[in-house]
Amino acid sequence: MNKRVKDVVDAIVVAVQRVLDEKVVTESEYRTAVHYLMNVAEHREIALLCDVFFDSTVVATKARRSQASTPAIEGPYYRDDAPLVDDRLKVYDTDDHKPLLIQGTVNAVDGSVVENVTIDVWHSTPDGKYSGFHDDIPTDFYRGKLRVGADGGFRVRTTMPAPYQIPNQGPTGALLETMGGHSWRPAHVHFKVKAPGYETLTTQYYFEGGDWVTDDCCNGVESSLITPDVVEDGARVMNISFVMESAHAEAGANA
């Protein structure tokens, strides 16, 4: 028997049973919910539904046990095969969005420089699509891997991402609408920071004043992840100071 699985599943069952009782859910409502979940499976939206309602809670739980930078949901559009880039992500020639400069540092919790760091960076196209997943966009567009310098610094240029709607034509979108919600995510940039001996940091950063930044359908925005509205030489500037925690520290927190 796997005690961890039993403990978690037992707790989930008890929590659902309590809600059914407290909300006096009828047999008809219960059957409607069962059919809804079957519909979610038929539309292959189980991952989408779980990400919208639960992923941010898992991430927040991890954040409370860590001294590293604030993590965030990874989302479904990460690719491990992004190309190494020097100082610029490849974008459409027709991309007329405002230039974006992303720069910052990577340090350990004690302030020391972390060695051999790579940062995966990826974000949406101007029309809210992701390379390698939508419209046959080449996989080397709007994403790349950075090698952080010996001084802990990094810098890369791209263009501003756009807010976009998560898939909303299926049962997940229908549920959000029924609840009076929406399917919009604010513009953001994803990061996955890796270094030997350190816990991988997966996060995303947002833009102060951006549409939906205070009303993300995935509840993924924390105040510490919103970057100030800074413009230099016509480019929006995203300044980030990543802090990484040693893998040993993470293992101790989970013990």
Protein backbone atom coordinates (compact mmCIF):
# COMPACT_ATOMS: atom_id res chain seq x y z
CA MET A 1 0.00 0.00 0.00
CA ASN A 2 1.14 3.53 -0.77
CA LYS A 3 0.31 5.46 2.40
CA ARG A 4 0.85 8.86 0.76
CA VAL A 5 -1.67 8.08 -1.99
CA LYS A 6 -4.16 6.74 0.55
CA ASP A 7 -3.82 9.79 2.81
CA VAL A 8 -4.33 12.28 -0.04
CA VAL A 9 -7.21 10.41 -1.70
CA ASP A 10 -8.95 9.87 1.65
CA ALA A 11 -8.70 13.61 2.35
CA ILE A 12 -10.09 14.48 -1.10
CA VAL A 13 -13.02 12.09 -0.64
CA VAL A 14 -13.84 13.50 2.80
CA ALA A 15 -13.66 17.09 1.48
CA VAL A 16 -15.99 16.31 -1.45
CA GLN A 17 -18.40 14.43 0.80
CA ARG A 18 -18.50 17.41 3.16
CA VAL A 19 -19.33 19.80 0.28
CA LEU A 20 -22.07 17.48 -1.00
CA ASP A 21 -23.61 17.49 2.46
CA GLU A 22 -23.17 21.19 3.27
CA LYS A 23 -24.51 22.34 -0.11
CA VAL A 24 -27.34 19.75 -0.06
CA VAL A 25 -26.43 18.55 -3.55
CA THR A 26 -29.34 16.68 -5.12
CA GLU A 27 -29.15 13.37 -6.97
CA SER A 28 -29.90 15.20 -10.22
CA GLU A 29 -27.09 17.71 -9.62
CA TYR A 30 -24.71 14.90 -8.72
CA ARG A 31 -25.50 13.03 -11.96
CA THR A 32 -25.07 16.24 -13.94
CA ALA A 33 -21.61 16.64 -12.40
CA VAL A 34 -20.68 13.05 -13.25
CA HIS A 35 -21.76 13.53 -16.87
CA TYR A 36 -19.84 16.80 -16.96
CA LEU A 37 -16.63 15.03 -15.89
CA MET A 38 -17.21 12.37 -18.55
CA ASN A 39 -17.56 15.20 -21.09
CA VAL A 40 -14.29 16.73 -19.86
CA ALA A 41 -12.55 13.40 -20.47
CA GLU A 42 -14.10 13.02 -23.93
CA HIS A 43 -12.81 16.49 -24.88
CA ARG A 44 -9.37 15.67 -23.44
CA GLU A 45 -9.59 18.63 -21.07
CA ILE A 46 -8.77 16.92 -17.78
CA ALA A 47 -5.37 18.63 -17.64
CA LEU A 48 -6.89 21.99 -18.60
CA LEU A 49 -9.62 21.76 -15.97
CA CYS A 50 -7.14 20.79 -13.24
CA ASP A 51 -4.70 23.54 -14.24
CA VAL A 52 -7.40 26.22 -14.14
CA PHE A 53 -8.72 25.31 -10.70
CA PHE A 54 -5.92 23.56 -8.80
CA ASP A 55 -2.42 24.13 -10.19
CA SER A 56 -1.99 27.55 -8.58
CA THR A 57 -2.76 26.03 -5.17
CA VAL A 58 -0.05 23.38 -5.59
CA VAL A 59 2.41 26.11 -6.58
CA ALA A 60 1.42 28.34 -3.65
CA THR A 61 1.90 25.44 -1.24
CA LYS A 62 5.43 24.93 -2.57
CA ALA A 63 6.16 28.66 -2.30
CA ARG A 64 5.32 28.72 1.41
CA ARG A 65 7.99 26.08 2.04
CA SER A 66 10.72 27.74 -0.01
CA GLN A 67 13.12 30.68 0.26
CA ALA A 68 13.53 30.86 -3.51
CA SER A 69 11.82 33.30 -5.85
CA THR A 70 8.07 32.98 -6.17
CA PRO A 71 7.20 30.03 -8.40
CA ALA A 72 4.26 30.01 -10.79
CA ILE A 73 2.31 27.55 -12.90
CA GLU A 74 4.23 26.11 -15.82
CA GLY A 75 1.33 25.86 -18.24
CA PRO A 76 1.11 23.43 -21.16
CA TYR A 77 3.45 25.14 -23.64
CA TYR A 78 6.96 24.42 -22.35
CA ARG A 79 9.36 22.66 -24.71
CA ASP A 80 12.72 21.28 -23.63
CA ASP A 81 14.13 21.58 -27.15
CA ALA A 82 14.23 25.38 -27.30
CA PRO A 83 17.39 26.66 -29.02
CA LEU A 84 20.28 28.35 -27.24
CA VAL A 85 20.17 32.09 -27.86
CA ASP A 86 22.66 34.86 -27.18
CA ASP A 87 20.79 38.09 -26.66
CA ARG A 88 17.57 37.90 -28.67
CA LEU A 89 14.59 35.60 -29.20
CA LYS A 90 13.48 35.01 -32.76
CA VAL A 91 10.15 36.74 -33.53
CA TYR A 92 7.99 37.36 -36.59
CA ASP A 93 9.33 39.92 -39.06
CA THR A 94 5.83 41.43 -38.97
CA ASP A 95 5.72 41.61 -35.16
CA ASP A 96 5.00 45.27 -34.37
CA HIS A 97 4.52 44.85 -30.61
CA LYS A 98 6.61 47.05 -28.33
CA PRO A 99 10.16 45.74 -27.84
CA LEU A 100 10.78 43.98 -24.53
CA LEU A 101 14.11 43.80 -22.72
CA ILE A 102 14.36 41.09 -20.07
CA GLN A 103 17.34 41.36 -17.78
CA GLY A 104 18.41 40.45 -14.29
CA THR A 105 20.49 38.24 -12.06
CA VAL A 106 20.48 34.74 -10.60
CA ASN A 107 21.71 34.21 -7.05
CA ALA A 108 21.49 31.65 -4.30
CA VAL A 109 19.50 32.29 -1.12
CA ASP A 110 22.69 33.50 0.60
CA GLY A 111 23.36 36.01 -2.18
CA SER A 112 26.20 34.12 -3.84
CA VAL A 113 26.34 33.71 -7.61
CA VAL A 114 24.96 30.40 -8.91
CA GLU A 115 27.19 28.72 -11.48
CA ASN A 116 26.23 27.00 -14.75
CA VAL A 117 22.71 28.42 -14.88
CA THR A 118 20.47 28.08 -17.92
CA ILE A 119 17.15 29.87 -18.24
CA ASP A 120 14.37 28.71 -20.54
CA VAL A 121 12.32 31.70 -21.70
CA TRP A 122 9.07 31.40 -23.64
CA HIS A 123 6.02 33.54 -24.30
CA SER A 124 3.12 33.99 -26.68
CA THR A 125 3.10 35.49 -30.13
CA PRO A 126 1.28 38.83 -30.64
CA ASP A 127 -1.91 36.85 -31.31
CA GLY A 128 -1.64 34.73 -28.17
CA LYS A 129 -0.25 31.55 -29.76
CA TYR A 130 2.76 29.43 -28.78
CA SER A 131 5.44 28.10 -31.09
CA GLY A 132 5.53 24.36 -31.48
CA PHE A 133 1.87 24.07 -30.50
CA HIS A 134 -0.23 26.41 -32.65
CA ASP A 135 -0.53 27.16 -36.37
CA ASP A 136 2.71 25.39 -37.33
CA ILE A 137 4.75 28.20 -35.76
CA PRO A 138 8.42 27.10 -35.87
CA THR A 139 9.61 25.83 -32.50
CA ASP A 140 12.52 28.28 -32.36
CA PHE A 141 10.26 31.36 -32.36
CA TYR A 142 9.36 33.21 -29.14
CA ARG A 143 11.39 30.83 -26.98
CA GLY A 144 15.01 30.07 -26.19
CA LYS A 145 17.59 28.99 -23.62
CA LEU A 146 19.95 31.52 -22.06
CA ARG A 147 23.30 30.77 -20.47
CA VAL A 148 23.75 33.04 -17.46
CA GLY A 149 27.10 34.83 -17.24
CA ALA A 150 29.78 34.17 -14.65
CA ASP A 151 28.65 37.30 -12.81
CA GLY A 152 25.12 35.91 -12.50
CA GLY A 153 23.66 38.33 -15.04
CA PHE A 154 21.45 37.72 -18.06
CA ARG A 155 19.86 39.84 -20.75
CA VAL A 156 17.65 39.03 -23.74
CA ARG A 157 15.51 41.03 -26.14
CA THR A 158 12.15 40.05 -27.60
CA THR A 159 8.74 41.68 -28.09
CA MET A 160 5.81 42.09 -25.74
CA PRO A 161 3.53 39.06 -25.40
CA ALA A 162 -0.24 39.44 -25.53
CA PRO A 163 -3.12 38.45 -23.27
CA TYR A 164 -4.95 35.42 -24.62
CA GLN A 165 -7.83 33.09 -23.91
CA ILE A 166 -7.27 29.53 -22.81
CA PRO A 167 -9.27 26.96 -24.84
CA ASN A 168 -12.85 27.97 -24.10
CA GLN A 169 -15.03 26.13 -26.60
CA GLY A 170 -15.20 22.93 -24.54
CA PRO A 171 -16.53 21.97 -21.11
CA THR A 172 -13.89 23.91 -19.15
CA GLY A 173 -14.84 27.16 -20.86
CA ALA A 174 -18.52 26.35 -20.40
CA LEU A 175 -18.03 25.85 -16.66
CA LEU A 176 -16.15 29.14 -16.30
CA GLU A 177 -18.97 30.94 -18.12
CA THR A 178 -21.62 29.22 -15.98
CA MET A 179 -19.77 30.44 -12.89
CA GLY A 180 -19.70 34.00 -14.22
CA GLY A 181 -16.00 33.81 -14.98
CA HIS A 182 -13.91 34.23 -18.12
CA SER A 183 -11.08 32.47 -19.96
CA TRP A 184 -8.49 35.27 -20.24
CA ARG A 185 -4.88 35.15 -19.09
CA PRO A 186 -2.82 38.35 -18.78
CA ALA A 187 0.30 38.83 -20.89
CA HIS A 188 3.24 37.06 -19.29
CA VAL A 189 6.67 35.56 -19.85
CA HIS A 190 7.56 32.06 -18.68
CA PHE A 191 10.89 31.09 -17.12
CA LYS A 192 12.47 27.81 -16.06
CA VAL A 193 15.75 28.38 -14.23
CA LYS A 194 18.08 25.39 -13.87
CA ALA A 195 21.49 24.82 -12.28
CA PRO A 196 23.30 21.72 -10.97
CA GLY A 197 22.68 21.22 -7.26
CA TYR A 198 19.72 23.61 -7.17
CA GLU A 199 15.99 23.15 -7.26
CA THR A 200 14.60 24.09 -10.68
CA LEU A 201 12.60 27.31 -10.48
CA THR A 202 9.55 27.42 -12.74
CA THR A 203 7.76 30.75 -12.80
CA GLN A 204 6.25 33.48 -14.95
CA TYR A 205 6.23 37.26 -14.71
CA TYR A 206 3.54 39.78 -15.60
CA PHE A 207 3.28 43.46 -16.48
CA GLU A 208 1.97 46.19 -14.21
CA GLY A 209 -1.17 47.75 -15.66
CA GLY A 210 -1.74 44.91 -18.12
CA ASP A 211 -5.19 43.65 -19.04
CA TRP A 212 -6.43 40.82 -16.79
CA VAL A 213 -3.39 41.04 -14.50
CA THR A 214 -5.73 41.45 -11.53
CA ASP A 215 -8.24 38.88 -12.80
CA ASP A 216 -6.37 35.89 -14.22
CA CYS A 217 -8.66 32.97 -15.05
CA CYS A 218 -6.02 30.57 -13.68
CA ASN A 219 -5.42 32.55 -10.46
CA GLY A 220 -1.71 32.43 -11.23
CA VAL A 221 -0.71 36.04 -10.54
CA GLU A 222 1.06 36.92 -7.30
CA SER A 223 1.99 40.53 -6.54
CA SER A 224 5.68 39.56 -6.42
CA LEU A 225 5.42 38.41 -10.04
CA ILE A 226 4.18 41.74 -11.43
CA THR A 227 6.99 43.85 -12.89
CA PRO A 228 6.80 47.67 -12.80
CA ASP A 229 5.97 49.71 -15.89
CA VAL A 230 9.52 50.70 -16.89
CA VAL A 231 10.34 51.91 -20.40
CA GLU A 232 13.85 52.66 -21.66
CA ASP A 233 14.67 53.74 -25.22
CA GLY A 234 11.20 52.73 -26.38
CA ALA A 235 11.38 49.22 -24.90
CA ARG A 236 9.46 47.83 -21.95
CA VAL A 237 11.98 46.57 -19.40
CA MET A 238 11.42 43.51 -17.23
CA ASN A 239 13.97 43.46 -14.40
CA ILE A 240 14.10 40.18 -12.47
CA SER A 241 16.28 38.98 -9.61
CA PHE A 242 15.96 35.20 -9.48
CA VAL A 243 16.80 33.46 -6.21
CA MET A 244 17.48 29.72 -6.29
CA GLU A 245 17.34 27.27 -3.42
CA SER A 246 19.68 24.32 -3.15
CA ALA A 247 18.23 20.91 -3.91
CA HIS A 248 19.33 19.84 -0.43
CA ALA A 249 17.22 22.60 1.15
CA GLU A 250 14.17 21.57 -0.88
CA ALA A 251 14.61 17.94 0.14
CA GLY A 252 14.81 18.98 3.78
CA ALA A 253 11.61 21.03 3.51
CA ASN A 254 9.78 17.99 2.15
CA ALA A 255 11.09 15.61 4.80
